Amino acid sequence: MLSPVRRVVTGRNPAGQSVVLHDGAAATQGESPDWPGMGVTLLWKSGALPADNSGTADTAAGPMQLMNSPGGAEFLIWQCPPLAELDAMPPEQRARALSPTGMIDPAQTDAARHPGMHATNTLDFLVVLSGELTLILEAGECTLRAGDTLVDRGVAHAWENRGAAPAICAIVNLDAKPLT
């Protein structure tokens, strides 16, 4: 099960004063049906940039949908369990658990290299809040630990949590032009 994430959202009241509009657990989550504890919590999204900060609507409310609108952005918390949890799974479930399909355009995946290898048309900013993750690239890999950051510029990549504890990351995805 995904850990709850407290989300505080500010805005303006009818008198034009700054106030807290939302304070509580973010309700929009997407958890892998094949790997409990693997998933994301959507904190906020904008359909366009610059963002429209007027109004009081909760832009993260509703069904979970990853990969923002063209020209948009999203703010997520990602929870990734240790890879060792997959050892007890049958091979078919393990392959489904590692696959990003369903969230990523299948044309942007490369299961021959790694079951989770994918690319997106986004500029992604990631901060590891706790735990550790290994970023797998087409030519090499890099382990990120709590406090480390990543700027992913739409390249093919996959993730593995080779540590003993779940990894928790904050991610901002911005729409980007496809790499050619």
Protein backbone atom coordinates (compact mmCIF):
# COMPACT_ATOMS: atom_id res chain seq x y z
CA MET A 1 0.00 0.00 0.00
CA LEU A 2 1.24 3.47 -0.81
CA SER A 3 2.10 5.68 2.12
CA PRO A 4 -0.20 8.68 2.52
CA VAL A 5 1.30 12.04 1.53
CA ARG A 6 0.15 15.20 3.29
CA ARG A 7 -0.50 17.95 0.79
CA VAL A 8 -0.97 21.63 1.66
CA VAL A 9 -2.24 23.87 -1.17
CA THR A 10 -2.53 27.64 -0.88
CA GLY A 11 -4.79 30.08 -2.68
CA ARG A 12 -6.92 33.13 -2.01
CA ASN A 13 -10.18 33.46 -0.15
CA PRO A 14 -13.08 35.61 -1.48
CA ALA A 15 -11.49 38.66 0.21
CA GLY A 16 -8.29 38.13 -1.80
CA GLN A 17 -6.22 36.99 1.21
CA SER A 18 -3.80 34.08 1.08
CA VAL A 19 -5.18 30.97 2.80
CA VAL A 20 -4.75 27.21 2.92
CA LEU A 21 -7.27 25.70 0.50
CA HIS A 22 -6.41 22.03 0.99
CA ASP A 23 -4.61 20.32 3.88
CA GLY A 24 -4.65 16.56 4.14
CA ALA A 25 -3.67 13.33 2.47
CA ALA A 26 -3.51 13.62 -1.32
CA ALA A 27 -6.28 11.41 -2.64
CA THR A 28 -5.13 10.68 -6.19
CA GLN A 29 -2.82 7.67 -6.22
CA GLY A 30 -1.84 5.07 -8.77
CA GLU A 31 -0.48 1.82 -7.37
CA SER A 32 0.77 -1.10 -9.45
CA PRO A 33 -1.71 -3.98 -9.33
CA ASP A 34 1.25 -6.35 -9.75
CA TRP A 35 3.55 -4.82 -7.13
CA PRO A 36 1.90 -3.46 -3.98
CA GLY A 37 3.78 -0.44 -2.66
CA MET A 38 4.98 0.64 -6.13
CA GLY A 39 3.24 3.75 -7.36
CA VAL A 40 2.77 7.48 -7.36
CA THR A 41 0.71 10.09 -5.56
CA LEU A 42 -0.34 13.04 -7.69
CA LEU A 43 0.01 16.26 -5.71
CA TRP A 44 -0.77 18.86 -8.39
CA LYS A 45 -0.94 19.30 -12.14
CA SER A 46 -1.23 22.14 -14.58
CA GLY A 47 -2.59 21.73 -18.08
CA ALA A 48 -0.44 24.57 -19.38
CA LEU A 49 2.54 26.75 -18.53
CA PRO A 50 2.58 29.37 -17.29
CA ALA A 51 0.17 27.88 -14.79
CA ASP A 52 -3.12 29.56 -13.89
CA ASN A 53 -3.03 30.14 -10.12
CA SER A 54 -6.51 31.65 -9.96
CA GLY A 55 -9.51 29.80 -8.58
CA THR A 56 -9.78 27.17 -5.89
CA ALA A 57 -10.18 23.97 -7.92
CA ASP A 58 -8.08 20.95 -6.93
CA THR A 59 -6.26 20.15 -10.17
CA ALA A 60 -5.08 16.79 -8.80
CA ALA A 61 -8.59 15.54 -8.01
CA GLY A 62 -10.04 12.79 -10.14
CA PRO A 63 -8.75 9.60 -11.68
CA MET A 64 -5.01 8.96 -11.77
CA GLN A 65 -3.47 9.86 -15.11
CA LEU A 66 0.26 10.09 -15.58
CA MET A 67 2.06 12.08 -18.21
CA ASN A 68 0.83 15.62 -18.25
CA SER A 69 -1.05 17.45 -20.94
CA PRO A 70 0.89 19.00 -23.81
CA GLY A 71 2.44 22.16 -22.39
CA GLY A 72 1.67 21.10 -18.81
CA ALA A 73 3.38 19.98 -15.63
CA GLU A 74 2.76 17.62 -12.72
CA PHE A 75 4.12 17.18 -9.19
CA LEU A 76 4.32 13.63 -7.83
CA ILE A 77 5.64 11.54 -4.98
CA TRP A 78 6.94 8.16 -6.18
CA GLN A 79 7.29 5.17 -3.89
CA CYS A 80 9.51 2.31 -5.11
CA PRO A 81 9.86 -0.86 -3.03
CA PRO A 82 13.12 -2.83 -2.89
CA LEU A 83 13.80 -5.07 -5.88
CA ALA A 84 14.16 -8.03 -3.49
CA GLU A 85 10.36 -8.01 -3.05
CA LEU A 86 10.08 -9.35 -6.59
CA ASP A 87 11.96 -12.56 -5.71
CA ALA A 88 8.80 -14.18 -4.33
CA MET A 89 6.74 -13.34 -7.44
CA PRO A 90 6.12 -15.72 -10.34
CA PRO A 91 8.10 -14.68 -13.46
CA GLU A 92 5.00 -13.39 -15.29
CA GLN A 93 4.00 -11.14 -12.38
CA ARG A 94 7.59 -9.93 -11.98
CA ALA A 95 7.73 -8.93 -15.67
CA ARG A 96 4.42 -7.04 -15.37
CA ALA A 97 5.58 -5.36 -12.15
CA LEU A 98 8.74 -4.05 -13.83
CA SER A 99 7.03 -2.92 -17.02
CA PRO A 100 6.08 0.76 -17.36
CA THR A 101 3.38 -0.02 -19.94
CA GLY A 102 0.01 1.35 -19.08
CA MET A 103 1.69 4.58 -18.01
CA ILE A 104 4.13 5.02 -20.90
CA ASP A 105 3.61 4.87 -24.67
CA PRO A 106 4.74 1.33 -25.64
CA ALA A 107 6.68 2.86 -28.56
CA GLN A 108 8.92 4.52 -25.96
CA THR A 109 9.84 1.30 -24.12
CA ASP A 110 12.75 -1.13 -24.64
CA ALA A 111 12.08 -4.34 -22.71
CA ALA A 112 14.98 -6.06 -24.49
CA ARG A 113 17.43 -3.84 -22.58
CA HIS A 114 15.51 -3.87 -19.26
CA PRO A 115 11.84 -4.62 -18.49
CA GLY A 116 11.39 -1.07 -17.21
CA MET A 117 13.40 0.77 -19.89
CA HIS A 118 11.40 3.72 -21.20
CA ALA A 119 11.63 7.32 -22.39
CA THR A 120 9.10 10.11 -22.11
CA ASN A 121 8.56 13.46 -23.81
CA THR A 122 9.19 15.26 -20.54
CA LEU A 123 11.85 17.14 -18.62
CA ASP A 124 11.86 15.51 -15.18
CA PHE A 125 13.27 16.84 -11.92
CA LEU A 126 13.66 14.15 -9.25
CA VAL A 127 14.80 14.42 -5.62
CA VAL A 128 15.41 11.27 -3.62
CA LEU A 129 13.82 11.93 -0.22
CA SER A 130 14.68 8.57 1.36
CA GLY A 131 16.18 5.24 0.34
CA GLU A 132 18.22 4.74 -2.80
CA LEU A 133 17.61 4.01 -6.48
CA THR A 134 19.82 2.91 -9.32
CA LEU A 135 19.22 4.74 -12.59
CA ILE A 136 19.88 2.41 -15.53
CA LEU A 137 20.77 4.05 -18.84
CA GLU A 138 21.62 2.65 -22.25
CA ALA A 139 25.32 3.14 -21.48
CA GLY A 140 25.88 2.86 -17.74
CA GLU A 141 24.10 3.39 -14.46
CA CYS A 142 24.18 5.66 -11.43
CA THR A 143 22.96 5.14 -7.85
CA LEU A 144 21.07 8.03 -6.23
CA ARG A 145 20.65 8.30 -2.45
CA ALA A 146 18.63 10.53 -0.11
CA GLY A 147 19.34 14.16 -0.97
CA ASP A 148 20.56 13.41 -4.51
CA THR A 149 18.84 14.99 -7.50
CA LEU A 150 18.35 14.09 -11.14
CA VAL A 151 17.48 16.13 -14.20
CA ASP A 152 16.21 13.61 -16.78
CA ARG A 153 16.02 15.13 -20.23
CA GLY A 154 13.75 12.56 -21.90
CA VAL A 155 16.37 9.83 -22.40
CA ALA A 156 15.76 6.08 -22.19
CA HIS A 157 16.08 4.88 -18.60
CA ALA A 158 14.89 2.34 -16.04
CA TRP A 159 14.97 2.19 -12.24
CA GLU A 160 15.89 -0.44 -9.68
CA ASN A 161 15.77 -0.13 -5.91
CA ARG A 162 18.62 -2.43 -4.90
CA GLY A 163 18.47 -1.20 -1.30
CA ALA A 164 16.68 -2.71 1.69
CA ALA A 165 14.03 0.00 2.22
CA PRO A 166 11.45 1.66 -0.04
CA ALA A 167 12.73 4.66 -1.95
CA ILE A 168 10.61 7.82 -1.84
CA CYS A 169 11.13 10.54 -4.47
CA ALA A 170 9.60 13.91 -5.30
CA ILE A 171 9.22 14.42 -9.04
CA VAL A 172 8.22 17.35 -11.24
CA ASN A 173 7.45 16.46 -14.88
CA LEU A 174 7.35 19.20 -17.53
CA ASP A 175 6.16 18.62 -21.07
CA ALA A 176 9.09 18.60 -23.53
CA LYS A 177 9.71 18.20 -27.22
CA PRO A 178 10.49 14.60 -28.24
CA LEU A 179 14.15 13.70 -28.70
CA THR A 180 14.96 12.83 -32.29
